[in-house]
């Protein structure tokens, strides 16, 4: 019969704590924890991808595949752009926009 194996964690490793949104702190993007990082990343998206308000009724951040509303520290109608790594508005748009195919498939299933 084998004896039980006891595993000891690395010494000095800090325990992880959950944030309000349920994510472990290490999983929360830096831009959501640090407003200066968020501003720098947003400025980068404006400069490189022309991020700004959308005038197109079909294309906007809210239905982009990179738009994530399931992050902590987001206000109403805000999401986290996983490509440019900043808080964006659901009504915004940038040149890197890609339609969320999962959303389209889900709505097609509802119509059947």
N, C-alpha and C. Protein backbone atom coordinates (compact mmCIF):
# COMPACT_ATOMS: atom_id res chain seq x y z
N UNK A 1 0.83 -1.18 0.00
CA UNK A 1 0.00 0.00 0.00
C UNK A 1 0.88 1.25 0.00
N UNK A 2 0.55 2.19 -0.87
CA UNK A 2 1.32 3.42 -0.97
C UNK A 2 0.90 4.38 0.13
N UNK A 3 1.87 5.14 0.61
CA UNK A 3 1.55 6.15 1.61
C UNK A 3 1.05 7.41 0.90
N UNK A 4 0.27 8.25 1.59
CA UNK A 4 -0.26 9.46 0.95
C UNK A 4 0.87 10.42 0.57
N UNK A 5 0.65 11.13 -0.48
CA UNK A 5 1.61 12.12 -0.95
C UNK A 5 1.18 13.48 -0.42
N UNK A 6 2.09 14.19 0.19
CA UNK A 6 1.81 15.52 0.72
C UNK A 6 2.56 16.51 -0.13
N UNK A 7 1.81 17.45 -0.70
CA UNK A 7 2.44 18.47 -1.54
C UNK A 7 2.49 19.78 -0.78
N UNK A 8 3.63 20.41 -0.80
CA UNK A 8 3.82 21.68 -0.11
C UNK A 8 4.02 22.76 -1.15
N UNK A 9 3.24 23.85 -1.03
CA UNK A 9 3.33 24.96 -1.97
C UNK A 9 4.65 25.69 -1.85
N UNK A 10 4.92 26.54 -2.81
CA UNK A 10 6.14 27.34 -2.80
C UNK A 10 6.14 28.32 -1.64
N UNK A 11 7.24 28.43 -0.97
CA UNK A 11 7.33 29.37 0.14
C UNK A 11 7.34 30.78 -0.38
N UNK A 12 6.69 31.66 0.32
CA UNK A 12 6.68 33.06 -0.05
C UNK A 12 5.62 33.42 -1.07
N UNK A 13 4.89 32.45 -1.58
CA UNK A 13 3.86 32.75 -2.56
C UNK A 13 2.65 33.32 -1.83
N UNK A 14 2.18 34.49 -2.29
CA UNK A 14 1.05 35.14 -1.64
C UNK A 14 -0.25 34.42 -1.98
N UNK A 15 -1.16 34.29 -1.00
CA UNK A 15 -2.44 33.68 -1.31
C UNK A 15 -3.23 34.59 -2.24
N UNK A 16 -4.04 34.01 -3.10
CA UNK A 16 -4.84 34.79 -4.04
C UNK A 16 -6.18 35.10 -3.39
N UNK A 17 -6.67 36.29 -3.62
CA UNK A 17 -7.95 36.73 -3.09
C UNK A 17 -8.88 37.05 -4.23
N UNK A 18 -10.15 36.75 -4.01
CA UNK A 18 -11.14 37.06 -5.04
C UNK A 18 -11.57 38.51 -4.93
N UNK A 19 -11.75 39.14 -6.08
CA UNK A 19 -12.25 40.51 -6.12
C UNK A 19 -13.77 40.46 -6.09
N UNK A 20 -14.41 41.63 -6.14
CA UNK A 20 -15.86 41.71 -6.08
C UNK A 20 -16.53 40.94 -7.21
N UNK A 21 -15.96 40.93 -8.39
CA UNK A 21 -16.55 40.25 -9.53
C UNK A 21 -16.37 38.75 -9.51
N UNK A 22 -15.68 38.21 -8.53
CA UNK A 22 -15.48 36.78 -8.44
C UNK A 22 -14.20 36.29 -9.10
N UNK A 23 -13.52 37.15 -9.83
CA UNK A 23 -12.26 36.77 -10.46
C UNK A 23 -11.14 36.84 -9.45
N UNK A 24 -10.18 35.99 -9.61
CA UNK A 24 -8.99 36.11 -8.77
C UNK A 24 -8.27 37.37 -9.18
N UNK A 25 -7.68 38.05 -8.23
CA UNK A 25 -7.03 39.33 -8.52
C UNK A 25 -6.01 39.21 -9.64
N UNK A 26 -5.30 38.08 -9.70
CA UNK A 26 -4.29 37.93 -10.73
C UNK A 26 -4.92 37.78 -12.12
N UNK A 27 -6.21 37.45 -12.19
CA UNK A 27 -6.89 37.29 -13.47
C UNK A 27 -7.48 38.60 -13.97
N UNK A 28 -7.60 39.60 -13.10
CA UNK A 28 -8.17 40.87 -13.52
C UNK A 28 -7.15 41.63 -14.36
N UNK A 29 -7.57 42.08 -15.53
CA UNK A 29 -6.65 42.84 -16.39
C UNK A 29 -6.12 44.09 -15.69
N UNK A 30 -4.87 44.40 -15.96
CA UNK A 30 -4.21 45.55 -15.33
C UNK A 30 -4.96 46.85 -15.61
N UNK A 31 -5.53 46.97 -16.81
CA UNK A 31 -6.24 48.20 -17.19
C UNK A 31 -7.48 48.44 -16.33
N UNK A 32 -8.07 47.38 -15.79
CA UNK A 32 -9.24 47.55 -14.93
C UNK A 32 -8.84 47.89 -13.50
N UNK A 33 -7.63 47.55 -13.14
CA UNK A 33 -7.15 47.84 -11.79
C UNK A 33 -6.43 49.19 -11.70
N UNK A 34 -5.90 49.66 -12.82
CA UNK A 34 -5.10 50.87 -12.83
C UNK A 34 -5.60 51.81 -13.93
N UNK A 35 -6.21 52.92 -13.53
CA UNK A 35 -6.82 53.86 -14.48
C UNK A 35 -5.79 54.45 -15.45
N UNK A 36 -4.55 54.64 -15.02
CA UNK A 36 -3.54 55.21 -15.92
C UNK A 36 -3.21 54.22 -17.05
N UNK A 37 -3.19 52.93 -16.74
CA UNK A 37 -2.96 51.92 -17.78
C UNK A 37 -4.15 51.90 -18.74
N UNK A 38 -5.35 51.99 -18.19
CA UNK A 38 -6.55 52.02 -19.02
C UNK A 38 -6.52 53.20 -20.00
N UNK A 39 -6.17 54.38 -19.49
CA UNK A 39 -6.11 55.58 -20.34
C UNK A 39 -5.06 55.44 -21.44
N UNK A 40 -3.90 54.89 -21.10
CA UNK A 40 -2.84 54.70 -22.08
C UNK A 40 -3.27 53.70 -23.17
N UNK A 41 -3.92 52.62 -22.76
CA UNK A 41 -4.38 51.62 -23.73
C UNK A 41 -5.50 52.18 -24.61
N UNK A 42 -6.38 53.00 -24.03
CA UNK A 42 -7.44 53.62 -24.81
C UNK A 42 -6.85 54.59 -25.83
N UNK A 43 -5.87 55.38 -25.40
CA UNK A 43 -5.20 56.32 -26.32
C UNK A 43 -4.55 55.57 -27.47
N UNK A 44 -3.98 54.42 -27.18
CA UNK A 44 -3.37 53.57 -28.20
C UNK A 44 -4.42 53.09 -29.21
N UNK A 45 -5.60 52.70 -28.71
CA UNK A 45 -6.69 52.25 -29.59
C UNK A 45 -7.21 53.40 -30.45
N UNK A 46 -7.27 54.58 -29.88
CA UNK A 46 -7.71 55.76 -30.64
C UNK A 46 -6.70 56.05 -31.75
N UNK A 47 -5.42 56.01 -31.42
CA UNK A 47 -4.36 56.32 -32.38
C UNK A 47 -4.22 55.26 -33.48
N UNK A 48 -4.19 53.99 -33.08
CA UNK A 48 -3.90 52.92 -34.04
C UNK A 48 -5.13 52.33 -34.71
N UNK A 49 -6.29 52.39 -34.04
CA UNK A 49 -7.49 51.74 -34.60
C UNK A 49 -8.66 52.69 -34.74
N UNK A 50 -8.41 53.98 -34.53
CA UNK A 50 -9.45 55.00 -34.70
C UNK A 50 -10.68 54.73 -33.83
N UNK A 51 -10.46 54.31 -32.58
CA UNK A 51 -11.58 54.06 -31.66
C UNK A 51 -12.33 55.36 -31.39
N UNK A 52 -13.65 55.26 -31.38
CA UNK A 52 -14.50 56.41 -31.09
C UNK A 52 -15.96 56.02 -31.20
N UNK A 53 -16.85 56.99 -31.14
CA UNK A 53 -18.28 56.70 -31.22
C UNK A 53 -18.64 56.09 -32.59
N UNK A 54 -19.55 55.13 -32.58
CA UNK A 54 -19.98 54.50 -33.82
C UNK A 54 -21.21 55.21 -34.38
N UNK A 55 -21.17 55.47 -35.66
CA UNK A 55 -22.34 56.02 -36.34
C UNK A 55 -23.02 54.94 -37.17
N UNK A 56 -22.46 53.73 -37.14
CA UNK A 56 -23.00 52.59 -37.87
C UNK A 56 -23.97 51.83 -36.95
N UNK A 57 -25.19 51.64 -37.39
CA UNK A 57 -26.19 50.98 -36.54
C UNK A 57 -25.98 49.47 -36.44
N UNK A 58 -25.14 48.91 -37.27
CA UNK A 58 -24.92 47.46 -37.26
C UNK A 58 -23.58 47.09 -36.63
N UNK A 59 -22.62 48.00 -36.64
CA UNK A 59 -21.29 47.71 -36.12
C UNK A 59 -21.00 48.61 -34.93
N UNK A 60 -20.78 48.02 -33.78
CA UNK A 60 -20.44 48.77 -32.57
C UNK A 60 -19.82 47.81 -31.57
N UNK A 61 -19.11 48.34 -30.60
CA UNK A 61 -18.37 47.51 -29.63
C UNK A 61 -19.27 46.48 -28.95
N UNK A 62 -20.50 46.85 -28.67
CA UNK A 62 -21.40 45.94 -27.96
C UNK A 62 -21.63 44.61 -28.65
N UNK A 63 -21.44 44.52 -29.97
CA UNK A 63 -21.58 43.23 -30.64
C UNK A 63 -20.27 42.76 -31.29
N UNK A 64 -19.17 43.28 -30.79
CA UNK A 64 -17.84 42.87 -31.25
C UNK A 64 -17.37 41.65 -30.46
N UNK A 65 -16.64 40.78 -31.10
CA UNK A 65 -16.18 39.58 -30.42
C UNK A 65 -15.18 39.87 -29.29
N UNK A 66 -14.55 41.02 -29.30
CA UNK A 66 -13.57 41.36 -28.26
C UNK A 66 -14.21 42.06 -27.05
N UNK A 67 -15.48 42.39 -27.12
CA UNK A 67 -16.19 43.12 -26.06
C UNK A 67 -16.61 42.16 -24.96
N UNK A 68 -16.14 42.39 -23.75
CA UNK A 68 -16.43 41.51 -22.61
C UNK A 68 -17.07 42.33 -21.50
N UNK A 69 -18.32 42.02 -21.17
CA UNK A 69 -19.03 42.72 -20.10
C UNK A 69 -18.93 41.99 -18.77
N UNK A 70 -18.25 40.86 -18.72
CA UNK A 70 -18.20 40.03 -17.53
C UNK A 70 -16.96 40.28 -16.68
N UNK A 71 -16.49 41.49 -16.67
CA UNK A 71 -15.32 41.87 -15.87
C UNK A 71 -15.77 42.77 -14.73
N UNK A 72 -15.01 42.77 -13.64
CA UNK A 72 -15.34 43.69 -12.54
C UNK A 72 -14.96 45.13 -12.90
N UNK A 73 -15.42 46.06 -12.11
CA UNK A 73 -15.09 47.49 -12.25
C UNK A 73 -15.61 48.12 -13.54
N UNK A 74 -16.71 47.61 -14.07
CA UNK A 74 -17.30 48.18 -15.28
C UNK A 74 -18.59 48.89 -14.93
N UNK A 75 -18.81 50.04 -15.54
CA UNK A 75 -20.04 50.78 -15.35
C UNK A 75 -21.11 50.34 -16.34
N UNK A 76 -22.23 51.00 -16.27
CA UNK A 76 -23.34 50.70 -17.18
C UNK A 76 -22.92 50.99 -18.62
N UNK A 77 -23.21 50.07 -19.51
CA UNK A 77 -22.91 50.15 -20.93
C UNK A 77 -21.41 50.11 -21.24
N UNK A 78 -20.58 49.74 -20.25
CA UNK A 78 -19.15 49.59 -20.47
C UNK A 78 -18.80 48.12 -20.65
N UNK A 79 -17.73 47.88 -21.36
CA UNK A 79 -17.19 46.54 -21.52
C UNK A 79 -15.68 46.64 -21.53
N UNK A 80 -15.04 45.49 -21.55
CA UNK A 80 -13.59 45.45 -21.61
C UNK A 80 -13.19 44.94 -22.99
N UNK A 81 -12.42 45.74 -23.72
CA UNK A 81 -11.93 45.33 -25.03
C UNK A 81 -10.73 44.40 -24.80
N UNK A 82 -10.91 43.14 -25.14
CA UNK A 82 -9.86 42.16 -24.92
C UNK A 82 -8.71 42.29 -25.92
N UNK A 83 -8.95 42.98 -27.02
CA UNK A 83 -7.88 43.17 -28.00
C UNK A 83 -6.98 44.34 -27.62
N UNK A 84 -7.57 45.49 -27.34
CA UNK A 84 -6.80 46.70 -27.02
C UNK A 84 -6.62 46.89 -25.52
N UNK A 85 -7.28 46.09 -24.70
CA UNK A 85 -7.12 46.06 -23.24
C UNK A 85 -7.45 47.39 -22.57
N UNK A 86 -8.69 47.84 -22.75
CA UNK A 86 -9.17 49.03 -22.07
C UNK A 86 -10.69 48.94 -21.91
N UNK A 87 -11.24 49.80 -21.04
CA UNK A 87 -12.68 49.89 -20.87
C UNK A 87 -13.24 50.67 -22.05
N UNK A 88 -14.21 50.09 -22.73
CA UNK A 88 -14.82 50.80 -23.85
C UNK A 88 -16.33 50.84 -23.67
N UNK A 89 -16.96 51.71 -24.42
CA UNK A 89 -18.42 51.83 -24.38
C UNK A 89 -19.04 50.88 -25.39
N UNK A 90 -20.22 50.36 -25.07
CA UNK A 90 -20.87 49.44 -26.00
C UNK A 90 -21.24 50.12 -27.31
N UNK A 91 -21.32 51.44 -27.31
CA UNK A 91 -21.69 52.19 -28.52
C UNK A 91 -20.48 52.66 -29.33
N UNK A 92 -19.27 52.30 -28.91
CA UNK A 92 -18.06 52.70 -29.63
C UNK A 92 -17.77 51.79 -30.82
N UNK A 93 -16.70 52.09 -31.51
CA UNK A 93 -16.28 51.28 -32.66
C UNK A 93 -14.82 51.58 -32.96
N UNK A 94 -14.10 50.56 -33.44
CA UNK A 94 -12.73 50.78 -33.90
C UNK A 94 -12.48 49.94 -35.14
N UNK A 95 -11.35 50.15 -35.77
CA UNK A 95 -11.01 49.46 -37.01
C UNK A 95 -10.78 47.96 -36.82
N UNK A 96 -10.58 47.52 -35.60
CA UNK A 96 -10.34 46.10 -35.35
C UNK A 96 -11.64 45.33 -35.08
N UNK A 97 -12.77 45.98 -35.27
CA UNK A 97 -14.07 45.37 -35.01
C UNK A 97 -14.23 44.05 -35.74
N UNK A 98 -14.69 43.03 -35.01
CA UNK A 98 -15.04 41.74 -35.60
C UNK A 98 -16.36 41.31 -35.01
N UNK A 99 -17.30 40.98 -35.88
CA UNK A 99 -18.63 40.59 -35.42
C UNK A 99 -18.55 39.35 -34.55
N UNK A 100 -19.30 39.34 -33.45
CA UNK A 100 -19.32 38.21 -32.53
C UNK A 100 -20.14 37.08 -33.15
N UNK A 101 -19.47 36.09 -33.72
CA UNK A 101 -20.15 34.98 -34.41
C UNK A 101 -20.99 34.14 -33.46
N UNK A 102 -20.56 33.99 -32.21
CA UNK A 102 -21.35 33.23 -31.23
C UNK A 102 -22.70 33.88 -31.01
N UNK A 103 -22.73 35.20 -30.94
CA UNK A 103 -23.97 35.94 -30.77
C UNK A 103 -24.90 35.68 -31.95
N UNK A 104 -24.35 35.68 -33.17
CA UNK A 104 -25.14 35.43 -34.37
C UNK A 104 -25.72 34.02 -34.36
N UNK A 105 -24.91 33.02 -34.01
CA UNK A 105 -25.38 31.65 -33.94
C UNK A 105 -26.47 31.49 -32.91
N UNK A 106 -26.33 32.15 -31.78
CA UNK A 106 -27.31 32.07 -30.71
C UNK A 106 -28.64 32.66 -31.17
N UNK A 107 -28.62 33.80 -31.85
CA UNK A 107 -29.85 34.43 -32.30
C UNK A 107 -30.51 33.61 -33.41
N UNK A 108 -29.74 32.93 -34.26
CA UNK A 108 -30.30 32.07 -35.28
C UNK A 108 -31.02 30.88 -34.67
N UNK A 109 -30.47 30.32 -33.59
CA UNK A 109 -31.11 29.20 -32.91
C UNK A 109 -32.44 29.63 -32.30
N UNK A 110 -32.54 30.85 -31.79
CA UNK A 110 -33.77 31.35 -31.21
C UNK A 110 -34.86 31.48 -32.26
N UNK A 111 -34.49 31.86 -33.50
CA UNK A 111 -35.45 32.06 -34.56
C UNK A 111 -36.08 30.76 -35.03
N UNK A 112 -35.35 29.64 -34.92
CA UNK A 112 -35.87 28.34 -35.39
C UNK A 112 -37.03 27.84 -34.57
